[in-house]
């Protein structure tokens, strides 16, 4: 059986600061989630990606980081996986 995946994004509805506040609140709400049973992913908009990435790196919440509008080969999307990986590294 496949592990359930819960993923969310919020398009361009938050500033980078508000995005960090949102994922901070989400980290409290997901403390009891068993990562062996379900994957939780947040996909902030590009303008908040670095801020949320820093939060995830240092706070180690019970969810993972994703990116919106991404294609592994860069086709039809703004960002490639390699670009996002470089962008979110310290």
PDB file of N, CA and C in Angstrom:
ATOM      1  N   UNK A   1       0.836  -1.188   0.000  1.00  0.00           N
ATOM      2  CA  UNK A   1       0.000   0.000   0.000  1.00  0.00           C
ATOM      3  C   UNK A   1       0.878   1.246   0.000  1.00  0.00           C
ATOM      4  N   UNK A   2       0.506   2.225  -0.792  1.00  0.00           N
ATOM      5  CA  UNK A   2       1.250   3.477  -0.866  1.00  0.00           C
ATOM      6  C   UNK A   2       1.003   4.335   0.359  1.00  0.00           C
ATOM      7  N   UNK A   3       2.012   5.080   0.751  1.00  0.00           N
ATOM      8  CA  UNK A   3       1.889   6.002   1.881  1.00  0.00           C
ATOM      9  C   UNK A   3       1.136   7.249   1.422  1.00  0.00           C
ATOM     10  N   UNK A   4       0.138   7.697   2.177  1.00  0.00           N
ATOM     11  CA  UNK A   4      -0.590   8.918   1.805  1.00  0.00           C
ATOM     12  C   UNK A   4       0.332  10.134   1.788  1.00  0.00           C
ATOM     13  N   UNK A   5       0.018  11.067   0.909  1.00  0.00           N
ATOM     14  CA  UNK A   5       0.760  12.316   0.779  1.00  0.00           C
ATOM     15  C   UNK A   5      -0.212  13.469   0.950  1.00  0.00           C
ATOM     16  N   UNK A   6       0.106  14.364   1.866  1.00  0.00           N
ATOM     17  CA  UNK A   6      -0.675  15.580   2.051  1.00  0.00           C
ATOM     18  C   UNK A   6       0.233  16.726   1.646  1.00  0.00           C
ATOM     19  N   UNK A   7      -0.170  17.464   0.614  1.00  0.00           N
ATOM     20  CA  UNK A   7       0.648  18.577   0.118  1.00  0.00           C
ATOM     21  C   UNK A   7      -0.229  19.813  -0.005  1.00  0.00           C
ATOM     22  N   UNK A   8       0.376  20.960   0.244  1.00  0.00           N
ATOM     23  CA  UNK A   8      -0.378  22.200   0.137  1.00  0.00           C
ATOM     24  C   UNK A   8       0.479  23.329  -0.389  1.00  0.00           C
ATOM     25  N   UNK A   9      -0.182  24.233  -1.091  1.00  0.00           N
ATOM     26  CA  UNK A   9       0.473  25.462  -1.533  1.00  0.00           C
ATOM     27  C   UNK A   9      -0.510  26.603  -1.353  1.00  0.00           C
ATOM     28  N   UNK A  10      -0.036  27.802  -1.459  1.00  0.00           N
ATOM     29  CA  UNK A  10      -0.921  28.941  -1.258  1.00  0.00           C
ATOM     30  C   UNK A  10      -0.681  30.020  -2.296  1.00  0.00           C
ATOM     31  N   UNK A  11      -0.129  29.635  -3.421  1.00  0.00           N
ATOM     32  CA  UNK A  11       0.103  30.542  -4.555  1.00  0.00           C
ATOM     33  C   UNK A  11       0.741  31.847  -4.072  1.00  0.00           C
ATOM     34  N   UNK A  12       0.227  32.983  -4.478  1.00  0.00           N
ATOM     35  CA  UNK A  12       0.862  34.269  -4.145  1.00  0.00           C
ATOM     36  C   UNK A  12       0.079  35.019  -3.063  1.00  0.00           C
ATOM     37  N   UNK A  13      -0.458  34.300  -2.083  1.00  0.00           N
ATOM     38  CA  UNK A  13      -1.311  34.925  -1.083  1.00  0.00           C
ATOM     39  C   UNK A  13      -0.599  35.341   0.196  1.00  0.00           C
ATOM     40  N   UNK A  14       0.710  35.168   0.276  1.00  0.00           N
ATOM     41  CA  UNK A  14       1.430  35.526   1.500  1.00  0.00           C
ATOM     42  C   UNK A  14       2.776  36.133   1.134  1.00  0.00           C
ATOM     43  N   UNK A  15       3.248  37.025   2.009  1.00  0.00           N
ATOM     44  CA  UNK A  15       4.622  37.518   1.874  1.00  0.00           C
ATOM     45  C   UNK A  15       5.558  36.431   2.396  1.00  0.00           C
ATOM     46  N   UNK A  16       6.858  36.608   2.224  1.00  0.00           N
ATOM     47  CA  UNK A  16       7.820  35.628   2.741  1.00  0.00           C
ATOM     48  C   UNK A  16       7.684  35.516   4.260  1.00  0.00           C
ATOM     49  N   UNK A  17       7.517  36.632   4.938  1.00  0.00           N
ATOM     50  CA  UNK A  17       7.359  36.620   6.402  1.00  0.00           C
ATOM     51  C   UNK A  17       6.096  35.860   6.812  1.00  0.00           C
ATOM     52  N   UNK A  18       4.989  36.133   6.127  1.00  0.00           N
ATOM     53  CA  UNK A  18       3.730  35.447   6.432  1.00  0.00           C
ATOM     54  C   UNK A  18       3.827  33.950   6.133  1.00  0.00           C
ATOM     55  N   UNK A  19       4.593  33.597   5.103  1.00  0.00           N
ATOM     56  CA  UNK A  19       4.781  32.189   4.762  1.00  0.00           C
ATOM     57  C   UNK A  19       5.506  31.451   5.884  1.00  0.00           C
ATOM     58  N   UNK A  20       6.519  32.083   6.447  1.00  0.00           N
ATOM     59  CA  UNK A  20       7.236  31.466   7.569  1.00  0.00           C
ATOM     60  C   UNK A  20       6.308  31.316   8.762  1.00  0.00           C
ATOM     61  N   UNK A  21       5.494  32.321   9.033  1.00  0.00           N
ATOM     62  CA  UNK A  21       4.524  32.213  10.121  1.00  0.00           C
ATOM     63  C   UNK A  21       3.574  31.034   9.882  1.00  0.00           C
ATOM     64  N   UNK A  22       3.125  30.870   8.643  1.00  0.00           N
ATOM     65  CA  UNK A  22       2.212  29.782   8.303  1.00  0.00           C
ATOM     66  C   UNK A  22       2.865  28.421   8.518  1.00  0.00           C
ATOM     67  N   UNK A  23       4.091  28.231   8.042  1.00  0.00           N
ATOM     68  CA  UNK A  23       4.727  26.931   8.218  1.00  0.00           C
ATOM     69  C   UNK A  23       5.123  26.691   9.672  1.00  0.00           C
ATOM     70  N   UNK A  24       5.366  27.757  10.412  1.00  0.00           N
ATOM     71  CA  UNK A  24       5.626  27.596  11.848  1.00  0.00           C
ATOM     72  C   UNK A  24       4.373  27.060  12.540  1.00  0.00           C
ATOM     73  N   UNK A  25       3.242  27.618  12.215  1.00  0.00           N
ATOM     74  CA  UNK A  25       1.982  27.124  12.773  1.00  0.00           C
ATOM     75  C   UNK A  25       1.723  25.684  12.323  1.00  0.00           C
ATOM     76  N   UNK A  26       1.984  25.404  11.055  1.00  0.00           N
ATOM     77  CA  UNK A  26       1.819  24.048  10.542  1.00  0.00           C
ATOM     78  C   UNK A  26       2.731  23.059  11.261  1.00  0.00           C
ATOM     79  N   UNK A  27       3.929  23.497  11.612  1.00  0.00           N
ATOM     80  CA  UNK A  27       4.847  22.589  12.309  1.00  0.00           C
ATOM     81  C   UNK A  27       4.275  22.174  13.665  1.00  0.00           C
ATOM     82  N   UNK A  28       3.584  23.080  14.332  1.00  0.00           N
ATOM     83  CA  UNK A  28       2.929  22.726  15.600  1.00  0.00           C
ATOM     84  C   UNK A  28       1.782  21.744  15.363  1.00  0.00           C
ATOM     85  N   UNK A  29       1.030  21.977  14.297  1.00  0.00           N
ATOM     86  CA  UNK A  29      -0.128  21.126  14.006  1.00  0.00           C
ATOM     87  C   UNK A  29       0.256  19.728  13.534  1.00  0.00           C
ATOM     88  N   UNK A  30       1.466  19.569  13.010  1.00  0.00           N
ATOM     89  CA  UNK A  30       1.878  18.270  12.485  1.00  0.00           C
ATOM     90  C   UNK A  30       2.832  17.524  13.418  1.00  0.00           C
ATOM     91  N   UNK A  31       3.009  18.006  14.620  1.00  0.00           N
ATOM     92  CA  UNK A  31       3.924  17.345  15.558  1.00  0.00           C
ATOM     93  C   UNK A  31       3.542  15.895  15.825  1.00  0.00           C
ATOM     94  N   UNK A  32       2.269  15.600  15.817  1.00  0.00           N
ATOM     95  CA  UNK A  32       1.797  14.250  16.128  1.00  0.00           C
ATOM     96  C   UNK A  32       1.696  13.342  14.905  1.00  0.00           C
ATOM     97  N   UNK A  33       1.961  13.872  13.722  1.00  0.00           N
ATOM     98  CA  UNK A  33       1.885  13.075  12.498  1.00  0.00           C
ATOM     99  C   UNK A  33       3.058  12.100  12.461  1.00  0.00           C
ATOM    100  N   UNK A  34       2.755  10.850  12.172  1.00  0.00           N
ATOM    101  CA  UNK A  34       3.787   9.824  12.072  1.00  0.00           C
ATOM    102  C   UNK A  34       4.348   9.820  10.650  1.00  0.00           C
ATOM    103  N   UNK A  35       5.608  10.257  10.451  1.00  0.00           N
ATOM    104  CA  UNK A  35       6.166  10.322   9.097  1.00  0.00           C
ATOM    105  C   UNK A  35       6.332   8.955   8.437  1.00  0.00           C
ATOM    106  N   UNK A  36       6.215   7.890   9.210  1.00  0.00           N
ATOM    107  CA  UNK A  36       6.253   6.548   8.622  1.00  0.00           C
ATOM    108  C   UNK A  36       4.920   6.199   7.959  1.00  0.00           C
ATOM    109  N   UNK A  37       3.853   6.904   8.355  1.00  0.00           N
ATOM    110  CA  UNK A  37       2.522   6.601   7.844  1.00  0.00           C
ATOM    111  C   UNK A  37       2.010   7.598   6.816  1.00  0.00           C
ATOM    112  N   UNK A  38       2.506   8.838   6.857  1.00  0.00           N
ATOM    113  CA  UNK A  38       2.022   9.867   5.940  1.00  0.00           C
ATOM    114  C   UNK A  38       3.140  10.884   5.682  1.00  0.00           C
ATOM    115  N   UNK A  39       3.243  11.335   4.431  1.00  0.00           N
ATOM    116  CA  UNK A  39       4.166  12.399   4.066  1.00  0.00           C
ATOM    117  C   UNK A  39       3.398  13.705   4.008  1.00  0.00           C
ATOM    118  N   UNK A  40       3.968  14.751   4.588  1.00  0.00           N
ATOM    119  CA  UNK A  40       3.383  16.084   4.527  1.00  0.00           C
ATOM    120  C   UNK A  40       4.398  16.984   3.829  1.00  0.00           C
ATOM    121  N   UNK A  41       3.930  17.753   2.839  1.00  0.00           N
ATOM    122  CA  UNK A  41       4.801  18.617   2.047  1.00  0.00           C
ATOM    123  C   UNK A  41       4.150  19.990   1.916  1.00  0.00           C
ATOM    124  N   UNK A  42       4.941  21.046   2.071  1.00  0.00           N
ATOM    125  CA  UNK A  42       4.466  22.397   1.786  1.00  0.00           C
ATOM    126  C   UNK A  42       5.220  22.911   0.570  1.00  0.00           C
ATOM    127  N   UNK A  43       4.510  23.627  -0.283  1.00  0.00           N
ATOM    128  CA  UNK A  43       5.090  24.160  -1.522  1.00  0.00           C
ATOM    129  C   UNK A  43       4.826  25.660  -1.581  1.00  0.00           C
ATOM    130  N   UNK A  44       5.706  26.441  -0.974  1.00  0.00           N
ATOM    131  CA  UNK A  44       5.489  27.891  -0.973  1.00  0.00           C
ATOM    132  C   UNK A  44       5.739  28.493  -2.355  1.00  0.00           C
ATOM    133  N   UNK A  45       5.230  29.691  -2.584  1.00  0.00           N
ATOM    134  CA  UNK A  45       5.536  30.364  -3.846  1.00  0.00           C
ATOM    135  C   UNK A  45       7.023  30.724  -3.899  1.00  0.00           C
ATOM    136  N   UNK A  46       7.499  31.006  -5.088  1.00  0.00           N
ATOM    137  CA  UNK A  46       8.917  31.265  -5.306  1.00  0.00           C
ATOM    138  C   UNK A  46       9.460  32.353  -4.382  1.00  0.00           C
ATOM    139  N   UNK A  47       8.694  33.423  -4.171  1.00  0.00           N
ATOM    140  CA  UNK A  47       9.208  34.533  -3.354  1.00  0.00           C
ATOM    141  C   UNK A  47       9.413  34.145  -1.891  1.00  0.00           C
ATOM    142  N   UNK A  48       8.804  33.068  -1.442  1.00  0.00           N
ATOM    143  CA  UNK A  48       8.943  32.628  -0.052  1.00  0.00           C
ATOM    144  C   UNK A  48       9.783  31.367   0.080  1.00  0.00           C
ATOM    145  N   UNK A  49      10.275  30.841  -1.015  1.00  0.00           N
ATOM    146  CA  UNK A  49      10.974  29.556  -0.994  1.00  0.00           C
ATOM    147  C   UNK A  49      12.212  29.582  -0.106  1.00  0.00           C
ATOM    148  N   UNK A  50      13.033  30.603  -0.213  1.00  0.00           N
ATOM    149  CA  UNK A  50      14.260  30.673   0.588  1.00  0.00           C
ATOM    150  C   UNK A  50      13.928  30.819   2.075  1.00  0.00           C
ATOM    151  N   UNK A  51      12.982  31.660   2.422  1.00  0.00           N
ATOM    152  CA  UNK A  51      12.610  31.865   3.823  1.00  0.00           C
ATOM    153  C   UNK A  51      12.064  30.585   4.442  1.00  0.00           C
ATOM    154  N   UNK A  52      11.176  29.928   3.735  1.00  0.00           N
ATOM    155  CA  UNK A  52      10.598  28.686   4.246  1.00  0.00           C
ATOM    156  C   UNK A  52      11.663  27.590   4.287  1.00  0.00           C
ATOM    157  N   UNK A  53      12.538  27.571   3.296  1.00  0.00           N
ATOM    158  CA  UNK A  53      13.634  26.602   3.281  1.00  0.00           C
ATOM    159  C   UNK A  53      14.524  26.757   4.509  1.00  0.00           C
ATOM    160  N   UNK A  54      14.826  27.977   4.881  1.00  0.00           N
ATOM    161  CA  UNK A  54      15.648  28.234   6.071  1.00  0.00           C
ATOM    162  C   UNK A  54      14.936  27.737   7.323  1.00  0.00           C
ATOM    163  N   UNK A  55      13.641  28.003   7.420  1.00  0.00           N
ATOM    164  CA  UNK A  55      12.861  27.506   8.561  1.00  0.00           C
ATOM    165  C   UNK A  55      12.924  25.990   8.636  1.00  0.00           C
ATOM    166  N   UNK A  56      12.685  25.322   7.507  1.00  0.00           N
ATOM    167  CA  UNK A  56      12.677  23.860   7.469  1.00  0.00           C
ATOM    168  C   UNK A  56      14.056  23.308   7.829  1.00  0.00           C
ATOM    169  N   UNK A  57      15.108  23.948   7.328  1.00  0.00           N
ATOM    170  CA  UNK A  57      16.469  23.482   7.598  1.00  0.00           C
ATOM    171  C   UNK A  57      16.812  23.536   9.087  1.00  0.00           C
ATOM    172  N   UNK A  58      16.442  24.616   9.744  1.00  0.00           N
ATOM    173  CA  UNK A  58      16.843  24.802  11.143  1.00  0.00           C
ATOM    174  C   UNK A  58      15.855  24.246  12.163  1.00  0.00           C
ATOM    175  N   UNK A  59      14.586  24.295  11.844  1.00  0.00           N
ATOM    176  CA  UNK A  59      13.570  23.854  12.811  1.00  0.00           C
ATOM    177  C   UNK A  59      13.235  22.373  12.687  1.00  0.00           C
ATOM    178  N   UNK A  60      13.553  21.757  11.565  1.00  0.00           N
ATOM    179  CA  UNK A  60      13.294  20.330  11.339  1.00  0.00           C
ATOM    180  C   UNK A  60      11.841  19.951  11.639  1.00  0.00           C
ATOM    181  N   UNK A  61      10.879  20.601  10.985  1.00  0.00           N
ATOM    182  CA  UNK A  61       9.475  20.259  11.241  1.00  0.00           C
ATOM    183  C   UNK A  61       9.148  18.869  10.693  1.00  0.00           C
ATOM    184  N   UNK A  62       7.950  18.436  10.970  1.00  0.00           N
ATOM    185  CA  UNK A  62       7.498  17.098  10.581  1.00  0.00           C
ATOM    186  C   UNK A  62       6.906  17.105   9.172  1.00  0.00           C
ATOM    187  N   UNK A  63       7.447  17.955   8.296  1.00  0.00           N
ATOM    188  CA  UNK A  63       7.022  17.984   6.904  1.00  0.00           C
ATOM    189  C   UNK A  63       8.204  18.355   6.031  1.00  0.00           C
ATOM    190  N   UNK A  64       8.025  18.152   4.735  1.00  0.00           N
ATOM    191  CA  UNK A  64       9.089  18.433   3.779  1.00  0.00           C
ATOM    192  C   UNK A  64       8.734  19.629   2.911  1.00  0.00           C
ATOM    193  N   UNK A  65       9.754  20.130   2.230  1.00  0.00           N
ATOM    194  CA  UNK A  65       9.603  21.309   1.385  1.00  0.00           C
ATOM    195  C   UNK A  65       9.502  20.903  -0.075  1.00  0.00           C
ATOM    196  N   UNK A  66       8.565  21.511  -0.768  1.00  0.00           N
ATOM    197  CA  UNK A  66       8.438  21.326  -2.205  1.00  0.00           C
ATOM    198  C   UNK A  66       8.443  22.686  -2.873  1.00  0.00           C
ATOM    199  N   UNK A  67       8.281  22.706  -4.181  1.00  0.00           N
ATOM    200  CA  UNK A  67       8.246  23.969  -4.922  1.00  0.00           C
ATOM    201  C   UNK A  67       7.114  23.921  -5.941  1.00  0.00           C
ATOM    202  N   UNK A  68       6.527  25.066  -6.195  1.00  0.00           N
ATOM    203  CA  UNK A  68       5.454  25.171  -7.179  1.00  0.00           C
ATOM    204  C   UNK A  68       6.037  25.369  -8.570  1.00  0.00           C
ATOM    205  N   UNK A  69       5.248  25.012  -9.574  1.00  0.00           N
ATOM    206  CA  UNK A  69       5.590  25.286 -10.971  1.00  0.00           C
ATOM    207  C   UNK A  69       6.980  24.799 -11.335  1.00  0.00           C
ATOM    208  N   UNK A  70       7.250  23.534 -11.049  1.00  0.00           N
ATOM    209  CA  UNK A  70       8.567  22.978 -11.313  1.00  0.00           C
ATOM    210  C   UNK A  70       8.445  21.742 -12.194  1.00  0.00           C
ATOM    211  N   UNK A  71       9.386  21.576 -13.076  1.00  0.00           N
ATOM    212  CA  UNK A  71       9.468  20.387 -13.917  1.00  0.00           C
ATOM    213  C   UNK A  71      10.906  19.929 -13.918  1.00  0.00           C
ATOM    214  N   UNK A  72      11.146  18.624 -13.809  1.00  0.00           N
ATOM    215  CA  UNK A  72      12.506  18.112 -13.680  1.00  0.00           C
ATOM    216  C   UNK A  72      13.383  18.452 -14.880  1.00  0.00           C
ATOM    217  N   UNK A  73      12.792  18.768 -16.019  1.00  0.00           N
ATOM    218  CA  UNK A  73      13.576  19.144 -17.188  1.00  0.00           C
ATOM    219  C   UNK A  73      13.418  20.626 -17.527  1.00  0.00           C
ATOM    220  N   UNK A  74      12.658  21.358 -16.731  1.00  0.00           N
ATOM    221  CA  UNK A  74      12.470  22.773 -16.982  1.00  0.00           C
ATOM    222  C   UNK A  74      11.460  23.097 -18.070  1.00  0.00           C
ATOM    223  N   UNK A  75      10.778  22.099 -18.578  1.00  0.00           N
ATOM    224  CA  UNK A  75       9.808  22.336 -19.647  1.00  0.00           C
ATOM    225  C   UNK A  75       8.514  22.924 -19.103  1.00  0.00           C
ATOM    226  N   UNK A  76       8.040  23.963 -19.749  1.00  0.00           N
ATOM    227  CA  UNK A  76       6.739  24.574 -19.465  1.00  0.00           C
ATOM    228  C   UNK A  76       6.628  25.154 -18.059  1.00  0.00           C
ATOM    229  N   UNK A  77       7.709  25.212 -17.324  1.00  0.00           N
ATOM    230  CA  UNK A  77       7.670  25.718 -15.952  1.00  0.00           C
ATOM    231  C   UNK A  77       8.802  26.698 -15.742  1.00  0.00           C
ATOM    232  N   UNK A  78       8.734  27.460 -14.675  1.00  0.00           N
ATOM    233  CA  UNK A  78       9.734  28.488 -14.430  1.00  0.00           C
ATOM    234  C   UNK A  78      11.033  27.942 -13.852  1.00  0.00           C
ATOM    235  N   UNK A  79      10.961  26.843 -13.097  1.00  0.00           N
ATOM    236  CA  UNK A  79      12.125  26.377 -12.351  1.00  0.00           C
ATOM    237  C   UNK A  79      12.387  24.905 -12.622  1.00  0.00           C
ATOM    238  N   UNK A  80      13.646  24.533 -12.586  1.00  0.00           N
ATOM    239  CA  UNK A  80      13.997  23.128 -12.665  1.00  0.00           C
ATOM    240  C   UNK A  80      14.362  22.644 -11.274  1.00  0.00           C
ATOM    241  N   UNK A  81      14.369  21.355 -11.099  1.00  0.00           N
ATOM    242  CA  UNK A  81      14.721  20.768  -9.803  1.00  0.00           C
ATOM    243  C   UNK A  81      16.117  21.202  -9.366  1.00  0.00           C
ATOM    244  N   UNK A  82      17.065  21.226 -10.294  1.00  0.00           N
ATOM    245  CA  UNK A  82      18.442  21.623  -9.964  1.00  0.00           C
ATOM    246  C   UNK A  82      18.485  23.063  -9.464  1.00  0.00           C
ATOM    247  N   UNK A  83      17.743  23.956 -10.118  1.00  0.00           N
ATOM    248  CA  UNK A  83      17.718  25.350  -9.704  1.00  0.00           C
ATOM    249  C   UNK A  83      17.143  25.494  -8.297  1.00  0.00           C
ATOM    250  N   UNK A  84      16.038  24.826  -8.035  1.00  0.00           N
ATOM    251  CA  UNK A  84      15.405  24.908  -6.717  1.00  0.00           C
ATOM    252  C   UNK A  84      16.339  24.342  -5.651  1.00  0.00           C
ATOM    253  N   UNK A  85      17.013  23.238  -5.951  1.00  0.00           N
ATOM    254  CA  UNK A  85      17.935  22.643  -4.995  1.00  0.00           C
ATOM    255  C   UNK A  85      19.063  23.616  -4.652  1.00  0.00           C
ATOM    256  N   UNK A  86      19.649  24.265  -5.654  1.00  0.00           N
ATOM    257  CA  UNK A  86      20.712  25.256  -5.398  1.00  0.00           C
ATOM    258  C   UNK A  86      20.177  26.449  -4.636  1.00  0.00           C
ATOM    259  N   UNK A  87      18.974  26.897  -5.003  1.00  0.00           N
ATOM    260  CA  UNK A  87      18.377  28.081  -4.389  1.00  0.00           C
ATOM    261  C   UNK A  87      18.093  27.879  -2.905  1.00  0.00           C
ATOM    262  N   UNK A  88      17.700  26.680  -2.518  1.00  0.00           N
ATOM    263  CA  UNK A  88      17.310  26.442  -1.131  1.00  0.00           C
ATOM    264  C   UNK A  88      18.462  25.994  -0.245  1.00  0.00           C
ATOM    265  N   UNK A  89      19.636  25.814  -0.799  1.00  0.00           N
ATOM    266  CA  UNK A  89      20.791  25.451   0.038  1.00  0.00           C
ATOM    267  C   UNK A  89      21.329  26.686   0.727  1.00  0.00           C
ATOM    268  N   UNK A  90      21.904  26.505   1.902  1.00  0.00           N
ATOM    269  CA  UNK A  90      22.440  27.641   2.659  1.00  0.00           C
ATOM    270  C   UNK A  90      23.613  28.260   1.945  1.00  0.00           C
TER     271      UNK A  90
END
